Amino acid sequence: MEQLSAGKKLDRAFEKLGKEKTISFELDLDTDAASLKALDASSDPEPGDEMPDEAADLLSGAKISVTVESKKPIDESGEKDYVGMAMKVSTADGDLVEYRVVGDYSYFRADMEAIAEVADKPLPPTDDLPPEAEPFKKVLDGEWVKFNTKEMEKAGAEMGAEPGAKPSPEPTLDAKTQKKLLDALRETIAREVDFKTSGDKDGTEHITATAPFRTLVTELLGEIRPLAKDLPPGMELPTDKDLKDAPDAKVSADFTLKNGELTEVNIDLAKLAEDAKVKKFGLVLRLSEGEKPTAPAGATELDLEEIMGGLAGAMMSEEELGDEGFPEEDFPEEGFPEDAA
């Protein structure tokens, strides 16, 4: 009864989310710099490629905030129904990168100095940039810039394409296939996941779901494989052989419900590392009432034709140099005459 009750409560909570037209969530790495360094060391990086302390510190405090807005309920929305999106990556020291799509335009800004410090690559002085790089000065200065979204997509699709060729449509999942995938996920969870409930104070309840990682993923892929023909081109599913070395430690996810609505998901992944030095490693997803994405004031519009033209020109110059190489001298076929004694 507890399994059935907890599963139904989660189903209803996700159904409520699907009825919303705007959703906001925040993804937080629940870890520390020491655990990230230990994870990096376990991957056996090449000498000099180890994760810098600055990167570990930044990632351990990073958060990703996302908002999506649609004209229809989210679970009924297709690609053309979404009218707004906002994404922000922030750290304890402030916002690192922010991106928004509102109406016909996309907006972007970044703290390039902070990114350069983590990458250990200094930014070029803006005064030294060539005239054709003028639009990038705003980007390097961390100011808002904007561009026409459709023009950018068209320009990106045309780069490298044959003259006159039509851009290939983006691979998408149709509604029927999405439903089949969701049903497969639900069946696997009902069969392989153990649920426990606790709390229920002031309308708040916790549901903990636990399952062995390799078993769960293997069973889920087994349910999905019959649908492979309906998946977009290029989406190759791993085989059972590919997963045989995956850890089978039990992974737990704690779902927090407030008056039946999902507000937080906390997933503990530390055991998957199979490394005693990884003390803390998880993901926290926090959901909140959706806030409509808005266009930032004062954004500078980028001239995409000028930017793409400059990039294409630079690429062609490199290709021409590579093809021609160094000029060959017209040496006589009979070789050099021997020196007279």
C-alpha atoms as a PDB file:
ATOM      1  CA  MET A   1       0.000   0.000   0.000  1.00  0.00           C
ATOM      2  CA  GLU A   2       2.871   2.405   0.824  1.00  0.00           C
ATOM      3  CA  GLN A   3       4.491   1.709  -2.568  1.00  0.00           C
ATOM      4  CA  LEU A   4       1.225   2.371  -4.385  1.00  0.00           C
ATOM      5  CA  SER A   5       0.372   5.443  -2.323  1.00  0.00           C
ATOM      6  CA  ALA A   6       3.818   7.061  -2.722  1.00  0.00           C
ATOM      7  CA  GLY A   7       3.934   6.310  -6.450  1.00  0.00           C
ATOM      8  CA  LYS A   8       0.501   7.827  -6.972  1.00  0.00           C
ATOM      9  CA  LYS A   9       1.408  10.940  -5.012  1.00  0.00           C
ATOM     10  CA  LEU A  10       4.491  11.479  -7.177  1.00  0.00           C
ATOM     11  CA  ASP A  11       2.486  10.875 -10.351  1.00  0.00           C
ATOM     12  CA  ARG A  12      -0.068  13.456  -9.303  1.00  0.00           C
ATOM     13  CA  ALA A  13       2.654  15.947  -8.368  1.00  0.00           C
ATOM     14  CA  PHE A  14       4.278  15.622 -11.818  1.00  0.00           C
ATOM     15  CA  GLU A  15       0.879  15.873 -13.495  1.00  0.00           C
ATOM     16  CA  LYS A  16       0.298  19.174 -11.687  1.00  0.00           C
ATOM     17  CA  LEU A  17       3.625  20.454 -12.997  1.00  0.00           C
ATOM     18  CA  GLY A  18       2.617  19.477 -16.521  1.00  0.00           C
ATOM     19  CA  LYS A  19      -0.525  21.599 -16.306  1.00  0.00           C
ATOM     20  CA  GLU A  20       1.490  24.769 -15.624  1.00  0.00           C
ATOM     21  CA  LYS A  21       2.303  27.167 -18.471  1.00  0.00           C
ATOM     22  CA  THR A  22       5.392  28.594 -16.760  1.00  0.00           C
ATOM     23  CA  ILE A  23       7.875  26.605 -14.674  1.00  0.00           C
ATOM     24  CA  SER A  24      10.943  27.811 -12.775  1.00  0.00           C
ATOM     25  CA  PHE A  25      13.552  25.561 -11.203  1.00  0.00           C
ATOM     26  CA  GLU A  26      17.028  25.784  -9.712  1.00  0.00           C
ATOM     27  CA  LEU A  27      19.647  23.035 -10.024  1.00  0.00           C
ATOM     28  CA  ASP A  28      22.316  22.983  -7.345  1.00  0.00           C
ATOM     29  CA  LEU A  29      25.389  20.755  -7.030  1.00  0.00           C
ATOM     30  CA  ASP A  30      25.354  19.463  -3.461  1.00  0.00           C
ATOM     31  CA  THR A  31      29.098  18.924  -3.126  1.00  0.00           C
ATOM     32  CA  ASP A  32      32.373  20.495  -2.016  1.00  0.00           C
ATOM     33  CA  ALA A  33      35.668  21.299  -3.703  1.00  0.00           C
ATOM     34  CA  ALA A  34      37.497  18.354  -2.104  1.00  0.00           C
ATOM     35  CA  SER A  35      34.959  15.839  -3.447  1.00  0.00           C
ATOM     36  CA  LEU A  36      35.158  17.351  -6.941  1.00  0.00           C
ATOM     37  CA  LYS A  37      38.949  17.138  -6.886  1.00  0.00           C
ATOM     38  CA  ALA A  38      38.713  13.499  -5.766  1.00  0.00           C
ATOM     39  CA  LEU A  39      36.264  12.718  -8.585  1.00  0.00           C
ATOM     40  CA  ASP A  40      38.576  14.363 -11.081  1.00  0.00           C
ATOM     41  CA  ALA A  41      41.585  12.412  -9.777  1.00  0.00           C
ATOM     42  CA  SER A  42      39.673   9.120 -10.102  1.00  0.00           C
ATOM     43  CA  SER A  43      39.248   9.790 -13.841  1.00  0.00           C
ATOM     44  CA  ASP A  44      43.056   9.639 -14.201  1.00  0.00           C
ATOM     45  CA  PRO A  45      43.572  12.943 -16.060  1.00  0.00           C
ATOM     46  CA  GLU A  46      46.722  13.580 -18.055  1.00  0.00           C
ATOM     47  CA  PRO A  47      49.459  15.505 -16.220  1.00  0.00           C
ATOM     48  CA  GLY A  48      48.593  19.190 -16.375  1.00  0.00           C
ATOM     49  CA  ASP A  49      44.916  18.504 -17.119  1.00  0.00           C
ATOM     50  CA  GLU A  50      43.861  18.126 -13.493  1.00  0.00           C
ATOM     51  CA  MET A  51      40.944  20.234 -12.299  1.00  0.00           C
ATOM     52  CA  PRO A  52      42.277  23.583 -11.007  1.00  0.00           C
ATOM     53  CA  ASP A  53      41.391  24.581  -7.438  1.00  0.00           C
ATOM     54  CA  GLU A  54      39.605  27.660  -8.811  1.00  0.00           C
ATOM     55  CA  ALA A  55      37.337  25.505 -10.984  1.00  0.00           C
ATOM     56  CA  ALA A  56      36.548  23.143  -8.087  1.00  0.00           C
ATOM     57  CA  ASP A  57      35.658  26.084  -5.847  1.00  0.00           C
ATOM     58  CA  LEU A  58      33.467  27.642  -8.521  1.00  0.00           C
ATOM     59  CA  LEU A  59      31.600  24.425  -9.424  1.00  0.00           C
ATOM     60  CA  SER A  60      30.985  23.476  -5.805  1.00  0.00           C
ATOM     61  CA  GLY A  61      29.044  26.701  -5.312  1.00  0.00           C
ATOM     62  CA  ALA A  62      27.402  26.922  -8.738  1.00  0.00           C
ATOM     63  CA  LYS A  63      23.659  27.030  -9.306  1.00  0.00           C
ATOM     64  CA  ILE A  64      21.667  26.915 -12.530  1.00  0.00           C
ATOM     65  CA  SER A  65      18.312  28.696 -12.615  1.00  0.00           C
ATOM     66  CA  VAL A  66      15.891  28.029 -15.487  1.00  0.00           C
ATOM     67  CA  THR A  67      12.442  29.359 -16.406  1.00  0.00           C
ATOM     68  CA  VAL A  68      10.356  28.234 -19.379  1.00  0.00           C
ATOM     69  CA  GLU A  69       7.110  29.817 -20.547  1.00  0.00           C
ATOM     70  CA  SER A  70       4.599  28.353 -23.003  1.00  0.00           C
ATOM     71  CA  LYS A  71       1.295  29.361 -24.555  1.00  0.00           C
ATOM     72  CA  LYS A  72      -0.076  25.930 -23.576  1.00  0.00           C
ATOM     73  CA  PRO A  73       0.310  23.662 -20.528  1.00  0.00           C
ATOM     74  CA  ILE A  74       3.859  22.268 -20.477  1.00  0.00           C
ATOM     75  CA  ASP A  75       2.775  18.650 -21.023  1.00  0.00           C
ATOM     76  CA  GLU A  76       0.901  19.681 -24.206  1.00  0.00           C
ATOM     77  CA  SER A  77       3.566  22.009 -25.579  1.00  0.00           C
ATOM     78  CA  GLY A  78       5.574  21.548 -28.719  1.00  0.00           C
ATOM     79  CA  GLU A  79       8.661  23.498 -29.746  1.00  0.00           C
ATOM     80  CA  LYS A  80       6.589  26.279 -31.385  1.00  0.00           C
ATOM     81  CA  ASP A  81       4.502  26.825 -28.237  1.00  0.00           C
ATOM     82  CA  TYR A  82       7.360  28.110 -26.077  1.00  0.00           C
ATOM     83  CA  VAL A  83       7.444  31.907 -25.971  1.00  0.00           C
ATOM     84  CA  GLY A  84      10.069  32.611 -23.326  1.00  0.00           C
ATOM     85  CA  MET A  85      13.077  31.084 -21.610  1.00  0.00           C
ATOM     86  CA  ALA A  86      15.635  32.290 -19.096  1.00  0.00           C
ATOM     87  CA  MET A  87      18.766  30.528 -17.853  1.00  0.00           C
ATOM     88  CA  LYS A  88      21.330  31.773 -15.359  1.00  0.00           C
ATOM     89  CA  VAL A  89      24.483  30.241 -13.896  1.00  0.00           C
ATOM     90  CA  SER A  90      25.475  31.856 -10.616  1.00  0.00           C
ATOM     91  CA  THR A  91      28.105  31.344  -7.924  1.00  0.00           C
ATOM     92  CA  ALA A  92      28.653  32.641  -4.414  1.00  0.00           C
ATOM     93  CA  ASP A  93      30.393  35.665  -5.959  1.00  0.00           C
ATOM     94  CA  GLY A  94      27.539  36.591  -8.311  1.00  0.00           C
ATOM     95  CA  ASP A  95      26.064  35.778 -11.721  1.00  0.00           C
ATOM     96  CA  LEU A  96      28.441  34.068 -14.143  1.00  0.00           C
ATOM     97  CA  VAL A  97      26.366  33.625 -17.312  1.00  0.00           C
ATOM     98  CA  GLU A  98      22.808  34.643 -18.180  1.00  0.00           C
ATOM     99  CA  TYR A  99      20.775  33.869 -21.282  1.00  0.00           C
ATOM    100  CA  ARG A 100      17.171  34.746 -22.142  1.00  0.00           C
ATOM    101  CA  VAL A 101      14.842  34.218 -25.081  1.00  0.00           C
ATOM    102  CA  VAL A 102      11.924  36.667 -25.215  1.00  0.00           C
ATOM    103  CA  GLY A 103       9.836  37.115 -28.351  1.00  0.00           C
ATOM    104  CA  ASP A 104      12.035  37.284 -31.461  1.00  0.00           C
ATOM    105  CA  TYR A 105      15.279  38.008 -29.606  1.00  0.00           C
ATOM    106  CA  SER A 106      17.866  36.170 -27.528  1.00  0.00           C
ATOM    107  CA  TYR A 107      19.815  38.046 -24.840  1.00  0.00           C
ATOM    108  CA  PHE A 108      23.194  37.161 -23.356  1.00  0.00           C
ATOM    109  CA  ARG A 109      25.715  38.454 -20.848  1.00  0.00           C
ATOM    110  CA  ALA A 110      28.607  36.913 -18.921  1.00  0.00           C
ATOM    111  CA  ASP A 111      31.227  37.750 -16.336  1.00  0.00           C
ATOM    112  CA  MET A 112      34.098  37.109 -18.723  1.00  0.00           C
ATOM    113  CA  GLU A 113      36.752  38.100 -16.191  1.00  0.00           C
ATOM    114  CA  ALA A 114      35.586  35.397 -13.767  1.00  0.00           C
ATOM    115  CA  ILE A 115      35.430  32.811 -16.559  1.00  0.00           C
ATOM    116  CA  ALA A 116      38.921  33.760 -17.754  1.00  0.00           C
ATOM    117  CA  GLU A 117      40.276  33.458 -14.213  1.00  0.00           C
ATOM    118  CA  VAL A 118      38.921  29.930 -13.826  1.00  0.00           C
ATOM    119  CA  ALA A 119      40.168  28.932 -17.281  1.00  0.00           C
ATOM    120  CA  ASP A 120      43.532  30.542 -16.486  1.00  0.00           C
ATOM    121  CA  LYS A 121      43.419  32.384 -19.816  1.00  0.00           C
ATOM    122  CA  PRO A 122      43.564  36.184 -19.609  1.00  0.00           C
ATOM    123  CA  LEU A 123      41.136  38.225 -21.674  1.00  0.00           C
ATOM    124  CA  PRO A 124      42.530  40.227 -24.587  1.00  0.00           C
ATOM    125  CA  PRO A 125      42.556  43.992 -23.939  1.00  0.00           C
ATOM    126  CA  THR A 126      39.497  45.423 -25.694  1.00  0.00           C
ATOM    127  CA  ASP A 127      41.630  48.244 -27.119  1.00  0.00           C
ATOM    128  CA  ASP A 128      43.723  45.678 -28.994  1.00  0.00           C
ATOM    129  CA  LEU A 129      40.771  44.048 -30.760  1.00  0.00           C
ATOM    130  CA  PRO A 130      40.498  44.596 -34.546  1.00  0.00           C
ATOM    131  CA  PRO A 131      37.623  46.751 -35.907  1.00  0.00           C
ATOM    132  CA  GLU A 132      35.621  43.685 -37.019  1.00  0.00           C
ATOM    133  CA  ALA A 133      35.573  42.475 -33.399  1.00  0.00           C
ATOM    134  CA  GLU A 134      33.903  45.641 -32.130  1.00  0.00           C
ATOM    135  CA  PRO A 135      30.625  43.819 -31.246  1.00  0.00           C
ATOM    136  CA  PHE A 136      32.520  41.498 -28.919  1.00  0.00           C
ATOM    137  CA  LYS A 137      33.745  44.363 -26.752  1.00  0.00           C
ATOM    138  CA  LYS A 138      30.303  44.550 -25.169  1.00  0.00           C
ATOM    139  CA  VAL A 139      30.477  40.831 -24.441  1.00  0.00           C
ATOM    140  CA  LEU A 140      33.944  41.088 -22.898  1.00  0.00           C
ATOM    141  CA  ASP A 141      32.762  44.000 -20.762  1.00  0.00           C
ATOM    142  CA  GLY A 142      29.934  41.864 -19.372  1.00  0.00           C
ATOM    143  CA  GLU A 143      27.136  43.941 -20.890  1.00  0.00           C
ATOM    144  CA  TRP A 144      23.843  42.650 -22.263  1.00  0.00           C
ATOM    145  CA  VAL A 145      23.809  41.937 -25.998  1.00  0.00           C
ATOM    146  CA  LYS A 146      20.959  40.641 -28.138  1.00  0.00           C
ATOM    147  CA  PHE A 147      20.419  39.043 -31.527  1.00  0.00           C
ATOM    148  CA  ASN A 148      17.486  37.883 -33.614  1.00  0.00           C
ATOM    149  CA  THR A 149      16.951  34.237 -32.690  1.00  0.00           C
ATOM    150  CA  LYS A 150      15.684  33.057 -36.090  1.00  0.00           C
ATOM    151  CA  GLU A 151      18.485  34.830 -37.924  1.00  0.00           C
ATOM    152  CA  MET A 152      21.054  33.209 -35.649  1.00  0.00           C
ATOM    153  CA  GLU A 153      19.551  29.743 -36.161  1.00  0.00           C
ATOM    154  CA  LYS A 154      19.495  30.298 -39.923  1.00  0.00           C
ATOM    155  CA  ALA A 155      23.070  31.588 -39.998  1.00  0.00           C
ATOM    156  CA  GLY A 156      24.285  28.709 -37.852  1.00  0.00           C
ATOM    157  CA  ALA A 157      22.565  26.139 -40.090  1.00  0.00           C
ATOM    158  CA  GLU A 158      23.994  27.705 -43.255  1.00  0.00           C
ATOM    159  CA  MET A 159      27.590  27.753 -42.017  1.00  0.00           C
ATOM    160  CA  GLY A 160      29.357  24.815 -43.592  1.00  0.00           C
ATOM    161  CA  ALA A 161      26.303  23.797 -45.671  1.00  0.00           C
ATOM    162  CA  GLU A 162      26.420  23.369 -49.437  1.00  0.00           C
ATOM    163  CA  PRO A 163      25.313  26.474 -51.401  1.00  0.00           C
ATOM    164  CA  GLY A 164      21.543  26.426 -51.863  1.00  0.00           C
ATOM    165  CA  ALA A 165      21.052  23.560 -49.412  1.00  0.00           C
ATOM    166  CA  LYS A 166      18.099  23.800 -47.050  1.00  0.00           C
ATOM    167  CA  PRO A 167      18.864  23.527 -43.311  1.00  0.00           C
ATOM    168  CA  SER A 168      17.933  20.145 -41.857  1.00  0.00           C
ATOM    169  CA  PRO A 169      15.080  20.279 -39.325  1.00  0.00           C
ATOM    170  CA  GLU A 170      16.028  19.828 -35.691  1.00  0.00           C
ATOM    171  CA  PRO A 171      15.367  16.258 -34.473  1.00  0.00           C
ATOM    172  CA  THR A 172      12.325  16.188 -32.221  1.00  0.00           C
ATOM    173  CA  LEU A 173      10.149  13.658 -30.412  1.00  0.00           C
ATOM    174  CA  ASP A 174       6.485  13.545 -31.376  1.00  0.00           C
ATOM    175  CA  ALA A 175       3.840  13.584 -28.646  1.00  0.00           C
ATOM    176  CA  LYS A 176       3.007   9.888 -29.086  1.00  0.00           C
ATOM    177  CA  THR A 177       6.643   8.808 -28.622  1.00  0.00           C
ATOM    178  CA  GLN A 178       7.021  11.094 -25.613  1.00  0.00           C
ATOM    179  CA  LYS A 179       4.031   9.374 -23.984  1.00  0.00           C
ATOM    180  CA  LYS A 180       5.488   5.924 -24.698  1.00  0.00           C
ATOM    181  CA  LEU A 181       8.807   6.955 -23.121  1.00  0.00           C
ATOM    182  CA  LEU A 182       7.021   8.339 -20.076  1.00  0.00           C
ATOM    183  CA  ASP A 183       5.010   5.112 -19.711  1.00  0.00           C
ATOM    184  CA  ALA A 184       8.231   3.081 -19.946  1.00  0.00           C
ATOM    185  CA  LEU A 185       9.794   5.229 -17.226  1.00  0.00           C
ATOM    186  CA  ARG A 186       6.782   4.818 -14.960  1.00  0.00           C
ATOM    187  CA  GLU A 187       6.675   1.041 -15.430  1.00  0.00           C
ATOM    188  CA  THR A 188      10.380   0.704 -14.623  1.00  0.00           C
ATOM    189  CA  ILE A 189      10.108   2.884 -11.531  1.00  0.00           C
ATOM    190  CA  ALA A 190       7.076   0.965 -10.268  1.00  0.00           C
ATOM    191  CA  ARG A 191       8.958  -2.329 -10.707  1.00  0.00           C
ATOM    192  CA  GLU A 192      12.475  -1.447  -9.551  1.00  0.00           C
ATOM    193  CA  VAL A 193      12.183   1.448  -7.083  1.00  0.00           C
ATOM    194  CA  ASP A 194      11.405   1.173  -3.368  1.00  0.00           C
ATOM    195  CA  PHE A 195       9.410   4.037  -1.846  1.00  0.00           C
ATOM    196  CA  LYS A 196       9.143   5.256   1.715  1.00  0.00           C
ATOM    197  CA  THR A 197       7.144   8.181   3.048  1.00  0.00           C
ATOM    198  CA  SER A 198       7.715  10.358   6.093  1.00  0.00           C
ATOM    199  CA  GLY A 199       6.592  13.596   7.603  1.00  0.00           C
ATOM    200  CA  ASP A 200       3.333  15.280   6.582  1.00  0.00           C
ATOM    201  CA  LYS A 201       3.651  18.311   8.844  1.00  0.00           C
ATOM    202  CA  ASP A 202       2.017  21.544   7.706  1.00  0.00           C
ATOM    203  CA  GLY A 203       1.240  19.916   4.392  1.00  0.00           C
ATOM    204  CA  THR A 204       4.884  18.934   3.802  1.00  0.00           C
ATOM    205  CA  GLU A 205       5.714  15.312   3.021  1.00  0.00           C
ATOM    206  CA  HIS A 206       8.911  13.482   2.025  1.00  0.00           C
ATOM    207  CA  ILE A 207       8.975  10.498  -0.320  1.00  0.00           C
ATOM    208  CA  THR A 208      12.279   8.633  -0.613  1.00  0.00           C
ATOM    209  CA  ALA A 209      12.887   6.485  -3.697  1.00  0.00           C
ATOM    210  CA  THR A 210      15.791   3.995  -3.649  1.00  0.00           C
ATOM    211  CA  ALA A 211      17.095   1.704  -6.392  1.00  0.00           C
ATOM    212  CA  PRO A 212      20.365   0.064  -7.541  1.00  0.00           C
ATOM    213  CA  PHE A 213      21.747   2.328 -10.263  1.00  0.00           C
ATOM    214  CA  ARG A 214      22.903  -0.213 -12.894  1.00  0.00           C
ATOM    215  CA  THR A 215      19.780  -2.352 -12.503  1.00  0.00           C
ATOM    216  CA  LEU A 216      17.501   0.667 -12.827  1.00  0.00           C
ATOM    217  CA  VAL A 217      19.234   2.046 -15.940  1.00  0.00           C
ATOM    218  CA  THR A 218      19.486  -1.399 -17.584  1.00  0.00           C
ATOM    219  CA  GLU A 219      15.798  -2.132 -17.030  1.00  0.00           C
ATOM    220  CA  LEU A 220      14.779   1.330 -18.229  1.00  0.00           C
ATOM    221  CA  LEU A 221      16.787   0.973 -21.448  1.00  0.00           C
ATOM    222  CA  GLY A 222      15.245  -2.457 -21.941  1.00  0.00           C
ATOM    223  CA  GLU A 223      11.818  -0.791 -21.937  1.00  0.00           C
ATOM    224  CA  ILE A 224      12.965   1.960 -24.308  1.00  0.00           C
ATOM    225  CA  ARG A 225      14.761  -0.163 -26.944  1.00  0.00           C
ATOM    226  CA  PRO A 226      11.535  -1.269 -28.704  1.00  0.00           C
ATOM    227  CA  LEU A 227      10.918   2.463 -29.278  1.00  0.00           C
ATOM    228  CA  ALA A 228      14.358   3.080 -30.833  1.00  0.00           C
ATOM    229  CA  LYS A 229      12.900   3.318 -34.354  1.00  0.00           C
ATOM    230  CA  ASP A 230      10.773   6.276 -33.213  1.00  0.00           C
ATOM    231  CA  LEU A 231      13.691   8.209 -31.705  1.00  0.00           C
ATOM    232  CA  PRO A 232      15.403  11.057 -33.613  1.00  0.00           C
ATOM    233  CA  PRO A 233      18.398  10.085 -35.799  1.00  0.00           C
ATOM    234  CA  GLY A 234      21.675   9.958 -33.919  1.00  0.00           C
ATOM    235  CA  MET A 235      20.159   8.908 -30.575  1.00  0.00           C
ATOM    236  CA  GLU A 236      21.968   5.628 -29.970  1.00  0.00           C
ATOM    237  CA  LEU A 237      21.103   3.713 -26.816  1.00  0.00           C
ATOM    238  CA  PRO A 238      23.902   2.038 -24.829  1.00  0.00           C
ATOM    239  CA  THR A 239      23.855  -1.764 -24.753  1.00  0.00           C
ATOM    240  CA  ASP A 240      23.756  -3.970 -21.663  1.00  0.00           C
ATOM    241  CA  LYS A 241      27.451  -4.672 -22.341  1.00  0.00           C
ATOM    242  CA  ASP A 242      28.169  -0.929 -22.187  1.00  0.00           C
ATOM    243  CA  LEU A 243      26.556  -0.799 -18.746  1.00  0.00           C
ATOM    244  CA  LYS A 244      28.162  -3.885 -17.213  1.00  0.00           C
ATOM    245  CA  ASP A 245      30.871  -1.829 -15.484  1.00  0.00           C
ATOM    246  CA  ALA A 246      28.465   0.818 -14.182  1.00  0.00           C
ATOM    247  CA  PRO A 247      28.226   0.850 -10.377  1.00  0.00           C
ATOM    248  CA  ASP A 248      25.218  -0.975  -8.939  1.00  0.00           C
ATOM    249  CA  ALA A 249      25.241   0.886  -5.639  1.00  0.00           C
ATOM    250  CA  LYS A 250      21.854   2.031  -4.402  1.00  0.00           C
ATOM    251  CA  VAL A 251      20.963   5.620  -5.219  1.00  0.00           C
ATOM    252  CA  SER A 252      18.345   7.538  -3.252  1.00  0.00           C
ATOM    253  CA  ALA A 253      16.176  10.461  -4.303  1.00  0.00           C
ATOM    254  CA  ASP A 254      14.213  12.446  -1.747  1.00  0.00           C
ATOM    255  CA  PHE A 255      11.092  14.205  -3.098  1.00  0.00           C
ATOM    256  CA  THR A 256       9.557  17.027  -1.054  1.00  0.00           C
ATOM    257  CA  LEU A 257       5.857  17.675  -1.581  1.00  0.00           C
ATOM    258  CA  LYS A 258       4.014  20.714  -0.199  1.00  0.00           C
ATOM    259  CA  ASN A 259       0.226  20.304  -0.246  1.00  0.00           C
ATOM    260  CA  GLY A 260       0.671  17.726  -3.011  1.00  0.00           C
ATOM    261  CA  GLU A 261       2.941  19.910  -5.167  1.00  0.00           C
ATOM    262  CA  LEU A 262       6.551  18.960  -5.869  1.00  0.00           C
ATOM    263  CA  THR A 263       8.925  21.588  -4.466  1.00  0.00           C
ATOM    264  CA  GLU A 264      12.328  19.853  -4.224  1.00  0.00           C
ATOM    265  CA  VAL A 265      14.219  16.759  -5.361  1.00  0.00           C
ATOM    266  CA  ASN A 266      17.472  15.760  -3.649  1.00  0.00           C
ATOM    267  CA  ILE A 267      19.525  12.964  -5.259  1.00  0.00           C
ATOM    268  CA  ASP A 268      22.522  11.455  -3.442  1.00  0.00           C
ATOM    269  CA  LEU A 269      25.133  10.243  -5.979  1.00  0.00           C
ATOM    270  CA  ALA A 270      28.182   9.897  -3.714  1.00  0.00           C
ATOM    271  CA  LYS A 271      28.068   6.078  -3.679  1.00  0.00           C
ATOM    272  CA  LEU A 272      28.323   5.963  -7.468  1.00  0.00           C
ATOM    273  CA  ALA A 273      31.802   7.451  -7.265  1.00  0.00           C
ATOM    274  CA  GLU A 274      33.038   4.295  -5.478  1.00  0.00           C
ATOM    275  CA  ASP A 275      35.696   6.471  -3.869  1.00  0.00           C
ATOM    276  CA  ALA A 276      35.938   6.985  -0.119  1.00  0.00           C
ATOM    277  CA  LYS A 277      37.400  10.463  -0.704  1.00  0.00           C
ATOM    278  CA  VAL A 278      34.140  11.602  -2.314  1.00  0.00           C
ATOM    279  CA  LYS A 279      32.324  12.539   0.856  1.00  0.00           C
ATOM    280  CA  LYS A 280      29.556  14.643  -0.630  1.00  0.00           C
ATOM    281  CA  PHE A 281      28.138  14.579  -4.137  1.00  0.00           C
ATOM    282  CA  GLY A 282      24.521  15.089  -5.103  1.00  0.00           C
ATOM    283  CA  LEU A 283      22.028  17.113  -7.073  1.00  0.00           C
ATOM    284  CA  VAL A 284      19.290  19.327  -5.659  1.00  0.00           C
ATOM    285  CA  LEU A 285      16.395  20.493  -7.826  1.00  0.00           C
ATOM    286  CA  ARG A 286      14.180  23.228  -6.382  1.00  0.00           C
ATOM    287  CA  LEU A 287      10.920  24.178  -8.094  1.00  0.00           C
ATOM    288  CA  SER A 288       8.983  27.395  -7.636  1.00  0.00           C
ATOM    289  CA  GLU A 289       6.169  29.389  -9.186  1.00  0.00           C
ATOM    290  CA  GLY A 290       7.132  30.347 -12.715  1.00  0.00           C
ATOM    291  CA  GLU A 291       8.216  33.926 -13.295  1.00  0.00           C
ATOM    292  CA  LYS A 292       7.641  35.241 -16.813  1.00  0.00           C
ATOM    293  CA  PRO A 293      10.986  35.905 -18.585  1.00  0.00           C
ATOM    294  CA  THR A 294      11.479  39.573 -19.457  1.00  0.00           C
ATOM    295  CA  ALA A 295      13.797  41.358 -21.883  1.00  0.00           C
ATOM    296  CA  PRO A 296      16.673  43.217 -20.159  1.00  0.00           C
ATOM    297  CA  ALA A 297      16.866  46.953 -20.806  1.00  0.00           C
ATOM    298  CA  GLY A 298      19.734  48.522 -22.715  1.00  0.00           C
ATOM    299  CA  ALA A 299      20.909  45.419 -24.605  1.00  0.00           C
ATOM    300  CA  THR A 300      23.116  46.120 -27.646  1.00  0.00           C
ATOM    301  CA  GLU A 301      21.982  44.377 -30.833  1.00  0.00           C
ATOM    302  CA  LEU A 302      24.653  42.384 -32.654  1.00  0.00           C
ATOM    303  CA  ASP A 303      24.906  42.478 -36.456  1.00  0.00           C
ATOM    304  CA  LEU A 304      24.848  38.757 -37.266  1.00  0.00           C
ATOM    305  CA  GLU A 305      25.771  39.187 -40.929  1.00  0.00           C
ATOM    306  CA  GLU A 306      28.863  41.148 -39.966  1.00  0.00           C
ATOM    307  CA  ILE A 307      29.848  38.635 -37.278  1.00  0.00           C
ATOM    308  CA  MET A 308      29.252  35.567 -39.461  1.00  0.00           C
ATOM    309  CA  GLY A 309      30.992  37.230 -42.394  1.00  0.00           C
ATOM    310  CA  GLY A 310      34.039  37.912 -40.271  1.00  0.00           C
ATOM    311  CA  LEU A 311      34.111  34.349 -38.959  1.00  0.00           C
ATOM    312  CA  ALA A 312      33.670  32.871 -42.435  1.00  0.00           C
ATOM    313  CA  GLY A 313      36.423  35.114 -43.791  1.00  0.00           C
ATOM    314  CA  ALA A 314      38.798  34.054 -41.045  1.00  0.00           C
ATOM    315  CA  MET A 315      38.021  30.366 -41.655  1.00  0.00           C
ATOM    316  CA  MET A 316      38.541  30.713 -45.421  1.00  0.00           C
ATOM    317  CA  SER A 317      41.870  32.464 -44.913  1.00  0.00           C
ATOM    318  CA  GLU A 318      43.097  29.607 -42.720  1.00  0.00           C
ATOM    319  CA  GLU A 319      41.891  26.985 -45.205  1.00  0.00           C
ATOM    320  CA  GLU A 320      43.554  28.753 -48.134  1.00  0.00           C
ATOM    321  CA  LEU A 321      46.834  28.985 -46.270  1.00  0.00           C
ATOM    322  CA  GLY A 322      46.633  25.333 -45.348  1.00  0.00           C
ATOM    323  CA  ASP A 323      45.860  24.233 -48.900  1.00  0.00           C
ATOM    324  CA  GLU A 324      48.577  26.308 -50.567  1.00  0.00           C
ATOM    325  CA  GLY A 325      51.288  25.760 -48.009  1.00  0.00           C
ATOM    326  CA  PHE A 326      54.678  27.156 -48.819  1.00  0.00           C
ATOM    327  CA  PRO A 327      55.545  27.952 -52.479  1.00  0.00           C
ATOM    328  CA  GLU A 328      57.793  25.438 -54.174  1.00  0.00           C
ATOM    329  CA  GLU A 329      60.978  26.551 -55.936  1.00  0.00           C
ATOM    330  CA  ASP A 330      61.412  25.624 -59.586  1.00  0.00           C
ATOM    331  CA  PHE A 331      64.484  23.439 -59.205  1.00  0.00           C
ATOM    332  CA  PRO A 332      65.996  21.738 -62.291  1.00  0.00           C
ATOM    333  CA  GLU A 333      64.949  18.091 -62.656  1.00  0.00           C
ATOM    334  CA  GLU A 334      68.562  16.985 -63.217  1.00  0.00           C
ATOM    335  CA  GLY A 335      69.522  18.241 -59.790  1.00  0.00           C
ATOM    336  CA  PHE A 336      72.371  20.453 -58.763  1.00  0.00           C
ATOM    337  CA  PRO A 337      75.674  20.367 -60.710  1.00  0.00           C
ATOM    338  CA  GLU A 338      78.552  18.886 -58.808  1.00  0.00           C
ATOM    339  CA  ASP A 339      81.221  21.306 -57.658  1.00  0.00           C
ATOM    340  CA  ALA A 340      84.273  21.311 -59.808  1.00  0.00           C
ATOM    341  CA  ALA A 341      87.324  19.963 -58.133  1.00  0.00           C
END
